[in-house]
Amino acid sequence: MSIDIALRAQRVITPEGERPATVVISNGIISAVASYDYQPGCPVREVREAVLPGLVDSHVHINEPGRTDWEGFDSATHAAAAGGITTLVDMPLNCIPVTICAGALTEKLAAVDGKLWVDCAYWGGATADNLAALPDLLAAGVMGVKSFTIHSGIDEFQAVNEAQLRSAMRLLAKAGLPHLVHAELNRLGDTSTNIGQSYQRFLSSRPQRWEHDAIAMVIRVMTQLRDEGLTPRAHIVHLSAGDALAMIAEARAAGLQLSVETCPHYLTLWAEAIPDGATLFKCCPPIRENANRNQLWQALKDGVIDCIVSDHSPCTPQLKNIESGDIENAWGGISALQFGLSLIWTEGQSRGFTLSDIALLMAQNPAELIGLSGRKGCIAEGYDADFCFFNDQQQHTVSADSIRHKHKISPYIGKVLRGRVTETWLRGAAIYRADNYVGKAQGRSILRKQHHASTSDTSQNEEL
């Protein structure tokens, strides 16, 4: 194996912390993380910025095939590269067909051909009506599955009840894969609130109790499966409710493998500052009060929340009802895929978080969730040479012109951020530099096993 190139920087973010280092890259893989003055016998690139591992975003709605007027793999992975994200995982809904059977995954893999600027893996779905299809879907190469305990927003991705959740999670436990859960549970079934343009009425319509009750159900199911002799892994997506944190901590202390993520919008936005009619801020679960936001930050410090991911959930501007301000009927979802690192650093550094802390939350831990430990999310020997060069002092203002996802809308337009991604590398080569893209799309689909019928160019698929 020949040595290709080395990176030398005073600030390299490794699993052991930040330090000066020379990172040696051989055939797209990190072959050594050596001392700063090490002479590798190959070309050396001096890097002035902090060098982080390429970020791993395990929660992205790309909506292709079927709803590419909302987003698509080309635009989404361009945005990811601009944000220092080198690996993402596509969610199984809002595309047509939804990814709830092996055939649907085959269609999705065909749709990505030649469009990936970063590496991409895939979640499947576990719904009320696809239990029989789950074994084949898992065998086809998804990294795990996602379920909703409330209406998903589209009728073709059906919510599960407790019995269905237990049956699906049993299959996932036997396969050793994580079961992701959108955890909101409306026990009363009351959706009659007249929300209109009022953000506070929207917030009241989805109380913290919904998240609390759904997470309690997940814990109950996990406990029952453990009593059967299984070891279930469950993951709560986009946690917004601080009230649920104590219950989660107790479940983990009792030995359950329950992990949790939250998102930049829950950590950097708060309900008191959202005006009526501001539909770009609508998401589910909702952005809650500032005191609740502080609870989430504390949970990150305490290790109760494991990951920070985008939950990039775009749609067309028309579906956001921007002009009418109709929050009640606007599509719920935040678009901010490329700005996550800058958003979290802007807020996090003022709360005592270091770049090492953020690399753990936005790269290493998400990689572990999706089964890519040892390959993605760390600057260490044997890992893919995926890097994010980050100027942690540079300020910039989010503008419509700077947005690389498909529709130039976001609740962050006009926000001044501290810290900017200046360059992104994928497997030993730059793909994004100084607001421009380098070369052509080199991303690959990552599957848990080779899917021989997925695309016309199966060499672009990689087996885990």
Protein backbone atom coordinates (compact mmCIF):
# COMPACT_ATOMS: atom_id res chain seq x y z
CA MET A 1 0.00 0.00 0.00
CA SER A 2 1.55 3.29 -1.09
CA ILE A 3 1.48 6.49 0.94
CA ASP A 4 -0.42 9.22 -0.87
CA ILE A 5 -0.31 12.40 1.20
CA ALA A 6 -0.13 13.70 4.76
CA LEU A 7 -1.88 16.55 6.59
CA ARG A 8 -0.01 18.50 9.25
CA ALA A 9 -1.82 20.80 11.65
CA GLN A 10 -1.41 22.25 15.14
CA ARG A 11 -5.02 21.34 15.94
CA VAL A 12 -6.08 17.82 15.02
CA ILE A 13 -9.17 16.52 16.79
CA THR A 14 -8.52 12.89 17.69
CA PRO A 15 -10.49 10.55 19.97
CA GLU A 16 -7.92 11.30 22.68
CA GLY A 17 -8.35 15.07 22.32
CA GLU A 18 -6.95 17.98 20.36
CA ARG A 19 -3.23 17.89 19.56
CA PRO A 20 -0.61 18.83 16.95
CA ALA A 21 -0.21 15.93 14.53
CA THR A 22 0.74 14.70 11.10
CA VAL A 23 -1.99 12.51 9.64
CA VAL A 24 -0.72 10.11 6.99
CA ILE A 25 -3.16 8.93 4.31
CA SER A 26 -2.66 5.76 2.26
CA ASN A 27 -5.15 4.88 -0.48
CA GLY A 28 -7.92 6.89 1.16
CA ILE A 29 -7.35 5.41 4.63
CA ILE A 30 -5.59 6.96 7.62
CA SER A 31 -2.41 4.90 8.00
CA ALA A 32 -0.92 6.86 10.91
CA VAL A 33 -1.60 9.76 13.27
CA ALA A 34 1.96 10.76 14.10
CA SER A 35 3.74 13.58 15.89
CA TYR A 36 3.64 17.05 14.40
CA ASP A 37 7.26 16.95 13.22
CA TYR A 38 7.05 13.43 11.77
CA GLN A 39 8.51 13.16 8.26
CA PRO A 40 6.30 10.76 6.29
CA GLY A 41 8.30 10.69 3.07
CA CYS A 42 5.40 11.95 0.97
CA PRO A 43 3.85 15.33 0.08
CA VAL A 44 2.65 17.17 3.21
CA ARG A 45 -0.23 19.64 3.26
CA GLU A 46 0.05 22.24 6.03
CA VAL A 47 -3.40 23.07 7.43
CA ARG A 48 -3.96 26.22 9.47
CA GLU A 49 -7.51 25.41 10.52
CA ALA A 50 -8.61 22.83 13.07
CA VAL A 51 -8.88 19.40 11.44
CA LEU A 52 -11.97 17.49 12.58
CA PRO A 53 -13.15 14.08 11.44
CA GLY A 54 -15.72 14.29 8.68
CA LEU A 55 -19.09 14.68 10.38
CA VAL A 56 -21.66 11.87 10.35
CA ASP A 57 -25.30 12.96 10.06
CA SER A 58 -27.55 9.99 10.74
CA HIS A 59 -30.86 11.82 10.21
CA VAL A 60 -31.44 13.36 6.77
CA HIS A 61 -34.64 13.36 4.70
CA ILE A 62 -33.53 13.41 1.05
CA ASN A 63 -36.92 12.48 -0.45
CA GLU A 64 -35.61 10.79 -3.60
CA PRO A 65 -37.06 9.07 -5.54
CA GLY A 66 -40.54 10.50 -5.76
CA ARG A 67 -40.36 13.92 -4.12
CA THR A 68 -37.26 15.41 -5.71
CA ASP A 69 -39.09 18.74 -5.96
CA TRP A 70 -38.52 18.81 -2.16
CA GLU A 71 -34.85 17.77 -2.18
CA GLY A 72 -32.66 15.12 -3.84
CA PHE A 73 -29.36 13.32 -3.43
CA ASP A 74 -27.41 15.74 -5.61
CA SER A 75 -28.46 18.91 -3.75
CA ALA A 76 -28.50 17.28 -0.30
CA THR A 77 -24.99 15.86 -0.61
CA HIS A 78 -23.67 19.16 -1.99
CA ALA A 79 -25.05 20.81 1.16
CA ALA A 80 -23.56 18.08 3.35
CA ALA A 81 -20.09 18.57 1.86
CA ALA A 82 -20.33 22.33 2.45
CA GLY A 83 -21.09 21.60 6.10
CA GLY A 84 -18.19 19.23 6.70
CA ILE A 85 -20.46 16.16 6.61
CA THR A 86 -18.84 13.21 4.83
CA THR A 87 -21.34 10.48 5.73
CA LEU A 88 -25.10 10.75 6.03
CA VAL A 89 -27.96 8.32 6.49
CA ASP A 90 -31.12 8.82 4.47
CA MET A 91 -34.47 8.45 6.20
CA PRO A 92 -37.03 5.97 4.81
CA LEU A 93 -39.96 8.34 4.39
CA ASN A 94 -41.03 11.28 2.23
CA CYS A 95 -39.58 9.42 -0.75
CA ILE A 96 -41.88 7.47 -3.08
CA PRO A 97 -41.92 4.55 -2.50
CA VAL A 98 -41.16 4.69 1.21
CA THR A 99 -38.28 2.38 2.13
CA ILE A 100 -40.25 -0.36 3.87
CA CYS A 101 -39.32 -3.31 1.65
CA ALA A 102 -36.25 -4.55 -0.17
CA GLY A 103 -37.65 -3.52 -3.54
CA ALA A 104 -38.01 0.08 -2.42
CA LEU A 105 -34.37 0.13 -1.31
CA THR A 106 -33.40 -1.16 -4.76
CA GLU A 107 -35.26 1.76 -6.34
CA LYS A 108 -33.52 4.22 -4.04
CA LEU A 109 -30.08 2.83 -4.83
CA ALA A 110 -30.80 3.21 -8.53
CA ALA A 111 -31.81 6.84 -7.94
CA VAL A 112 -28.51 7.81 -6.30
CA ASP A 113 -26.28 6.70 -9.17
CA GLY A 114 -23.74 9.44 -9.90
CA LYS A 115 -25.30 11.93 -7.48
CA LEU A 116 -23.49 11.34 -4.18
CA TRP A 117 -20.91 13.94 -3.14
CA VAL A 118 -20.53 12.22 0.24
CA ASP A 119 -21.00 8.65 1.40
CA CYS A 120 -24.58 7.63 2.13
CA ALA A 121 -26.18 4.81 4.11
CA TYR A 122 -29.89 4.10 4.48
CA TRP A 123 -32.46 3.48 7.20
CA GLY A 124 -35.44 1.27 6.50
CA GLY A 125 -38.88 1.67 8.00
CA ALA A 126 -40.90 -0.48 10.39
CA THR A 127 -44.57 0.38 9.99
CA ALA A 128 -47.93 -1.03 10.99
CA ASP A 129 -48.18 -2.98 7.74
CA ASN A 130 -44.69 -4.23 6.78
CA LEU A 131 -43.68 -6.70 9.48
CA ALA A 132 -43.52 -9.57 6.98
CA ALA A 133 -41.20 -7.56 4.72
CA LEU A 134 -38.74 -6.62 7.48
CA PRO A 135 -36.40 -9.66 7.26
CA ASP A 136 -35.74 -9.09 3.55
CA LEU A 137 -35.34 -5.34 4.10
CA LEU A 138 -32.76 -5.92 6.83
CA ALA A 139 -30.93 -8.43 4.66
CA ALA A 140 -30.85 -5.91 1.79
CA GLY A 141 -28.44 -3.66 3.64
CA VAL A 142 -30.21 -0.99 5.70
CA MET A 143 -28.45 0.09 8.90
CA GLY A 144 -31.59 -0.37 11.01
CA VAL A 145 -35.17 0.87 10.90
CA LYS A 146 -37.27 3.80 12.01
CA SER A 147 -40.83 3.80 13.35
CA PHE A 148 -43.34 6.49 14.25
CA THR A 149 -45.64 6.26 17.25
CA ILE A 150 -47.76 9.09 15.80
CA HIS A 151 -48.90 9.96 12.27
CA SER A 152 -45.76 10.46 10.19
CA GLY A 153 -47.19 13.20 7.99
CA ILE A 154 -47.67 10.86 5.03
CA ASP A 155 -50.25 8.08 4.94
CA GLU A 156 -47.98 5.52 3.26
CA PHE A 157 -45.65 5.38 6.31
CA GLN A 158 -48.01 4.11 9.01
CA ALA A 159 -47.46 4.60 12.74
CA VAL A 160 -47.02 1.56 14.98
CA ASN A 161 -48.86 0.70 18.17
CA GLU A 162 -47.15 -0.91 21.14
CA ALA A 163 -47.65 -4.49 19.98
CA GLN A 164 -46.34 -3.69 16.50
CA LEU A 165 -43.36 -1.85 17.97
CA ARG A 166 -42.55 -4.89 20.10
CA SER A 167 -42.77 -7.28 17.14
CA ALA A 168 -40.53 -5.11 14.97
CA MET A 169 -38.01 -4.42 17.74
CA ARG A 170 -37.80 -8.15 18.43
CA LEU A 171 -36.65 -8.70 14.84
CA LEU A 172 -34.17 -5.84 15.12
CA ALA A 173 -32.78 -7.20 18.38
CA LYS A 174 -32.22 -10.63 16.82
CA ALA A 175 -30.40 -8.93 13.94
CA GLY A 176 -28.35 -6.76 16.33
CA LEU A 177 -29.54 -3.54 14.68
CA PRO A 178 -30.89 -0.29 16.15
CA HIS A 179 -34.58 0.60 16.10
CA LEU A 180 -35.10 4.35 15.74
CA VAL A 181 -38.32 5.81 17.11
CA HIS A 182 -40.05 9.11 16.44
CA ALA A 183 -41.39 9.29 19.96
CA GLU A 184 -44.63 11.26 20.26
CA LEU A 185 -47.82 9.62 21.49
CA ASN A 186 -51.17 11.37 21.47
CA ARG A 187 -53.19 9.18 23.81
CA LEU A 188 -56.29 11.35 23.59
CA GLY A 189 -56.30 11.53 19.80
CA ASP A 190 -57.33 15.18 20.03
CA THR A 191 -56.11 17.24 17.06
CA SER A 192 -58.88 19.84 17.14
CA THR A 193 -56.77 22.76 18.42
CA ASN A 194 -57.27 25.90 16.35
CA ILE A 195 -53.65 26.82 15.70
CA GLY A 196 -53.85 29.20 12.76
CA GLN A 197 -50.79 31.46 12.74
CA SER A 198 -50.07 31.15 16.47
CA TYR A 199 -46.76 29.52 17.34
CA GLN A 200 -47.72 29.24 21.01
CA ARG A 201 -50.91 27.37 20.13
CA PHE A 202 -48.89 25.04 17.91
CA LEU A 203 -46.46 24.44 20.78
CA SER A 204 -49.33 23.72 23.17
CA SER A 205 -50.83 21.26 20.66
CA ARG A 206 -47.77 18.95 20.96
CA PRO A 207 -46.90 18.96 24.67
CA GLN A 208 -43.85 17.38 26.26
CA ARG A 209 -46.16 14.70 27.65
CA TRP A 210 -46.45 13.23 24.15
CA GLU A 211 -42.72 12.57 24.04
CA HIS A 212 -42.65 11.36 27.64
CA ASP A 213 -45.41 8.82 27.05
CA ALA A 214 -43.91 7.51 23.82
CA ILE A 215 -40.45 7.09 25.36
CA ALA A 216 -42.03 5.29 28.33
CA MET A 217 -43.61 2.89 25.84
CA VAL A 218 -40.24 2.29 24.14
CA ILE A 219 -38.62 1.57 27.52
CA ARG A 220 -41.46 -0.78 28.43
CA VAL A 221 -41.04 -2.71 25.15
CA MET A 222 -37.26 -2.89 25.61
CA THR A 223 -37.70 -4.24 29.12
CA GLN A 224 -40.12 -6.92 27.90
CA LEU A 225 -37.71 -8.00 25.17
CA ARG A 226 -34.85 -8.12 27.64
CA ASP A 227 -36.99 -10.41 29.77
CA GLU A 228 -37.21 -12.69 26.70
CA GLY A 229 -33.41 -12.92 26.73
CA LEU A 230 -32.84 -10.42 23.92
CA THR A 231 -30.69 -7.28 23.87
CA PRO A 232 -32.74 -4.65 22.05
CA ARG A 233 -31.16 -1.39 20.87
CA ALA A 234 -33.50 1.59 20.60
CA HIS A 235 -32.69 5.15 19.60
CA ILE A 236 -34.92 8.18 20.25
CA VAL A 237 -34.71 10.59 17.32
CA HIS A 238 -34.88 14.39 17.61
CA LEU A 239 -35.58 14.63 21.35
CA SER A 240 -37.01 18.04 22.24
CA ALA A 241 -38.57 17.38 25.67
CA GLY A 242 -36.39 18.00 28.70
CA ASP A 243 -39.03 16.30 30.85
CA ALA A 244 -38.05 12.91 29.40
CA LEU A 245 -34.36 13.11 30.28
CA ALA A 246 -34.60 11.64 33.79
CA MET A 247 -36.54 8.63 32.53
CA ILE A 248 -33.97 8.03 29.80
CA ALA A 249 -31.09 8.24 32.28
CA GLU A 250 -32.85 5.75 34.58
CA ALA A 251 -33.41 3.28 31.75
CA ARG A 252 -29.76 3.41 30.77
CA ALA A 253 -28.66 2.99 34.38
CA ALA A 254 -30.82 -0.13 34.44
CA GLY A 255 -28.79 -1.51 31.54
CA LEU A 256 -31.02 -0.81 28.56
CA GLN A 257 -29.25 0.10 25.31
CA LEU A 258 -31.24 3.28 24.74
CA SER A 259 -29.52 6.10 22.85
CA VAL A 260 -30.78 9.60 22.09
CA GLU A 261 -30.20 12.39 19.62
CA THR A 262 -31.20 16.02 19.48
CA CYS A 263 -30.83 18.64 16.76
CA PRO A 264 -29.35 22.11 16.24
CA HIS A 265 -32.78 23.73 16.10
CA TYR A 266 -33.65 22.50 19.59
CA LEU A 267 -30.30 23.75 20.89
CA THR A 268 -30.11 27.16 19.20
CA LEU A 269 -33.74 28.31 18.87
CA TRP A 270 -36.44 28.80 21.51
CA ALA A 271 -40.19 29.28 21.48
CA GLU A 272 -40.32 32.69 23.16
CA ALA A 273 -38.41 34.20 20.23
CA ILE A 274 -40.52 32.67 17.45
CA PRO A 275 -43.13 35.11 16.11
CA ASP A 276 -46.60 34.11 14.98
CA GLY A 277 -46.78 33.20 11.32
CA ALA A 278 -43.11 32.14 11.18
CA THR A 279 -43.74 28.82 9.45
CA LEU A 280 -40.04 28.14 8.77
CA PHE A 281 -39.68 27.33 12.48
CA LYS A 282 -42.34 24.60 12.47
CA CYS A 283 -41.11 21.08 13.16
CA CYS A 284 -42.37 18.05 15.06
CA PRO A 285 -41.76 17.74 17.93
CA PRO A 286 -41.74 21.52 18.28
CA ILE A 287 -39.02 23.92 19.31
CA ARG A 288 -39.73 24.48 23.00
CA GLU A 289 -38.99 27.15 25.60
CA ASN A 290 -35.54 28.50 26.44
CA ALA A 291 -35.49 26.77 29.84
CA ASN A 292 -36.08 23.47 28.08
CA ARG A 293 -33.23 24.25 25.66
CA ASN A 294 -30.89 24.70 28.60
CA GLN A 295 -31.91 21.26 29.89
CA LEU A 296 -30.90 19.72 26.57
CA TRP A 297 -27.48 21.37 26.67
CA GLN A 298 -26.95 20.07 30.20
CA ALA A 299 -27.94 16.58 29.07
CA LEU A 300 -25.27 16.78 26.37
CA LYS A 301 -22.70 17.65 29.02
CA ASP A 302 -23.92 14.83 31.24
CA GLY A 303 -23.81 12.27 28.42
CA VAL A 304 -27.55 11.56 28.49
CA ILE A 305 -27.92 12.76 24.89
CA ASP A 306 -25.48 10.98 22.58
CA CYS A 307 -25.69 12.69 19.20
CA ILE A 308 -26.43 15.99 17.48
CA VAL A 309 -27.84 15.47 13.96
CA SER A 310 -29.68 17.72 11.54
CA ASP A 311 -33.10 16.13 10.95
CA HIS A 312 -32.93 18.06 7.67
CA SER A 313 -36.55 17.82 6.56
CA PRO A 314 -37.08 20.07 3.53
CA CYS A 315 -40.07 20.70 1.33
CA THR A 316 -41.09 23.21 -1.32
CA PRO A 317 -41.59 26.83 -0.20
CA GLN A 318 -45.26 26.50 -1.07
CA LEU A 319 -45.74 23.70 1.47
CA LYS A 320 -44.27 25.90 4.21
CA ASN A 321 -47.08 28.47 3.72
CA ILE A 322 -44.53 31.27 4.04
CA GLU A 323 -46.74 33.98 2.63
CA SER A 324 -49.91 33.12 4.54
CA GLY A 325 -48.15 32.33 7.82
CA ASP A 326 -50.50 29.38 8.33
CA ILE A 327 -48.51 27.38 10.88
CA GLU A 328 -51.31 24.89 11.41
CA ASN A 329 -51.20 23.57 7.84
CA ALA A 330 -47.52 24.19 7.01
CA TRP A 331 -45.24 21.19 6.50
CA GLY A 332 -43.23 20.55 9.64
CA GLY A 333 -39.50 20.42 9.10
CA ILE A 334 -36.31 22.47 9.47
CA SER A 335 -33.92 22.98 6.56
CA ALA A 336 -30.34 23.60 7.72
CA LEU A 337 -28.22 20.63 6.66
CA GLN A 338 -24.95 22.45 5.98
CA PHE A 339 -24.99 24.81 8.98
CA GLY A 340 -25.05 22.34 11.87
CA LEU A 341 -21.40 22.55 12.89
CA SER A 342 -21.33 26.35 12.85
CA LEU A 343 -24.64 26.55 14.71
CA ILE A 344 -23.50 24.19 17.45
CA TRP A 345 -20.07 25.78 17.77
CA THR A 346 -21.53 29.29 17.97
CA GLU A 347 -23.64 28.26 20.95
CA GLY A 348 -21.54 25.45 22.36
CA GLN A 349 -18.24 27.27 22.76
CA SER A 350 -19.98 29.83 24.97
CA ARG A 351 -21.17 26.94 27.18
CA GLY A 352 -17.73 25.39 27.60
CA PHE A 353 -17.91 22.80 24.83
CA THR A 354 -14.68 22.08 22.96
CA LEU A 355 -14.20 20.94 19.38
CA SER A 356 -13.38 17.50 20.81
CA ASP A 357 -16.77 17.45 22.53
CA ILE A 358 -18.51 18.40 19.31
CA ALA A 359 -16.60 15.84 17.24
CA LEU A 360 -17.80 13.17 19.66
CA LEU A 361 -21.42 14.30 19.35
CA MET A 362 -21.50 14.99 15.61
CA ALA A 363 -19.09 12.39 14.22
CA GLN A 364 -17.94 9.58 16.51
CA ASN A 365 -21.22 8.78 18.28
CA PRO A 366 -23.43 8.93 15.16
CA ALA A 367 -20.96 6.62 13.41
CA GLU A 368 -21.27 4.18 16.31
CA LEU A 369 -25.07 4.34 16.10
CA ILE A 370 -25.08 3.30 12.45
CA GLY A 371 -22.53 0.54 12.88
CA LEU A 372 -19.54 2.34 11.32
CA SER A 373 -17.23 2.44 14.34
CA GLY A 374 -13.71 1.72 13.16
CA ARG A 375 -14.40 3.27 9.79
CA LYS A 376 -16.09 6.67 10.13
CA GLY A 377 -16.23 9.49 12.64
CA CYS A 378 -12.66 9.56 14.05
CA ILE A 379 -9.20 10.64 13.04
CA ALA A 380 -7.40 7.42 13.90
CA GLU A 381 -5.44 4.72 12.17
CA GLY A 382 -7.56 2.50 9.94
CA TYR A 383 -10.42 4.97 9.51
CA ASP A 384 -11.50 6.50 6.22
CA ALA A 385 -9.54 9.70 5.57
CA ASP A 386 -12.62 11.93 5.91
CA PHE A 387 -11.88 15.41 7.26
CA CYS A 388 -13.49 18.75 7.94
CA PHE A 389 -11.19 21.80 8.08
CA PHE A 390 -12.84 24.29 10.42
CA ASN A 391 -11.93 27.91 11.10
CA ASP A 392 -13.46 28.22 14.56
CA GLN A 393 -13.01 32.01 14.71
CA GLN A 394 -14.36 33.13 11.34
CA GLN A 395 -17.79 34.74 11.42
CA HIS A 396 -20.29 34.55 8.60
CA THR A 397 -23.94 35.37 8.06
CA VAL A 398 -26.36 32.79 6.71
CA SER A 399 -27.84 34.08 3.46
CA ALA A 400 -30.08 32.56 0.82
CA ASP A 401 -27.14 32.68 -1.61
CA SER A 402 -25.01 30.55 0.73
CA ILE A 403 -27.56 27.71 0.97
CA ARG A 404 -26.63 24.58 -0.99
CA HIS A 405 -29.74 22.49 -0.35
CA LYS A 406 -32.44 22.70 -3.03
CA HIS A 407 -34.75 25.42 -1.71
CA LYS A 408 -33.07 28.54 -0.37
CA ILE A 409 -35.21 28.78 2.74
CA SER A 410 -34.20 28.29 6.37
CA PRO A 411 -35.08 29.79 9.76
CA TYR A 412 -31.40 30.74 10.09
CA ILE A 413 -31.20 33.24 7.24
CA GLY A 414 -29.70 36.43 8.66
CA LYS A 415 -28.14 34.68 11.66
CA VAL A 416 -24.46 35.47 12.34
CA LEU A 417 -22.49 32.29 13.05
CA ARG A 418 -19.04 31.73 14.46
CA GLY A 419 -16.93 29.05 12.79
CA ARG A 420 -16.84 28.09 9.14
CA VAL A 421 -16.04 24.93 7.20
CA THR A 422 -13.29 25.84 4.74
CA GLU A 423 -12.59 22.41 3.26
CA THR A 424 -14.03 18.89 3.29
CA TRP A 425 -12.18 15.69 2.35
CA LEU A 426 -13.69 12.32 1.51
CA ARG A 427 -11.46 9.24 1.58
CA GLY A 428 -8.24 11.19 1.16
CA ALA A 429 -9.28 13.79 -1.42
CA ALA A 430 -10.79 17.26 -1.18
CA ILE A 431 -14.41 17.48 -2.35
CA TYR A 432 -15.20 21.02 -1.14
CA ARG A 433 -12.86 23.99 -0.78
CA ALA A 434 -13.48 27.72 -0.25
CA ASP A 435 -17.14 27.63 -1.32
CA ASN A 436 -16.41 25.53 -4.41
CA TYR A 437 -16.64 21.83 -5.18
CA VAL A 438 -13.64 19.81 -6.31
CA GLY A 439 -13.77 17.15 -9.01
CA LYS A 440 -16.92 15.12 -9.42
CA ALA A 441 -19.29 13.15 -7.20
CA GLN A 442 -17.25 10.39 -5.51
CA GLY A 443 -19.61 9.35 -2.73
CA ARG A 444 -20.63 5.73 -2.27
CA SER A 445 -23.64 3.91 -0.93
CA ILE A 446 -22.78 2.01 2.23
CA LEU A 447 -24.80 -1.15 2.81
CA ARG A 448 -24.61 -3.78 5.51
CA LYS A 449 -24.18 -6.33 2.72
CA GLN A 450 -23.62 -6.06 -1.04
CA HIS A 451 -26.92 -5.52 -2.85
CA HIS A 452 -26.20 -6.89 -6.29
CA ALA A 453 -29.26 -5.46 -8.02
CA SER A 454 -29.13 -1.94 -6.61
CA THR A 455 -27.61 0.18 -9.37
CA SER A 456 -26.14 -0.09 -12.82
CA ASP A 457 -22.72 0.54 -11.21
CA THR A 458 -22.49 -1.77 -8.21
CA SER A 459 -18.87 -0.71 -7.67
CA GLN A 460 -20.26 2.44 -6.07
CA ASN A 461 -21.88 0.35 -3.32
CA GLU A 462 -19.80 -0.79 -0.40
CA GLU A 463 -20.42 -3.68 1.93
CA LEU A 464 -20.02 -2.96 5.63
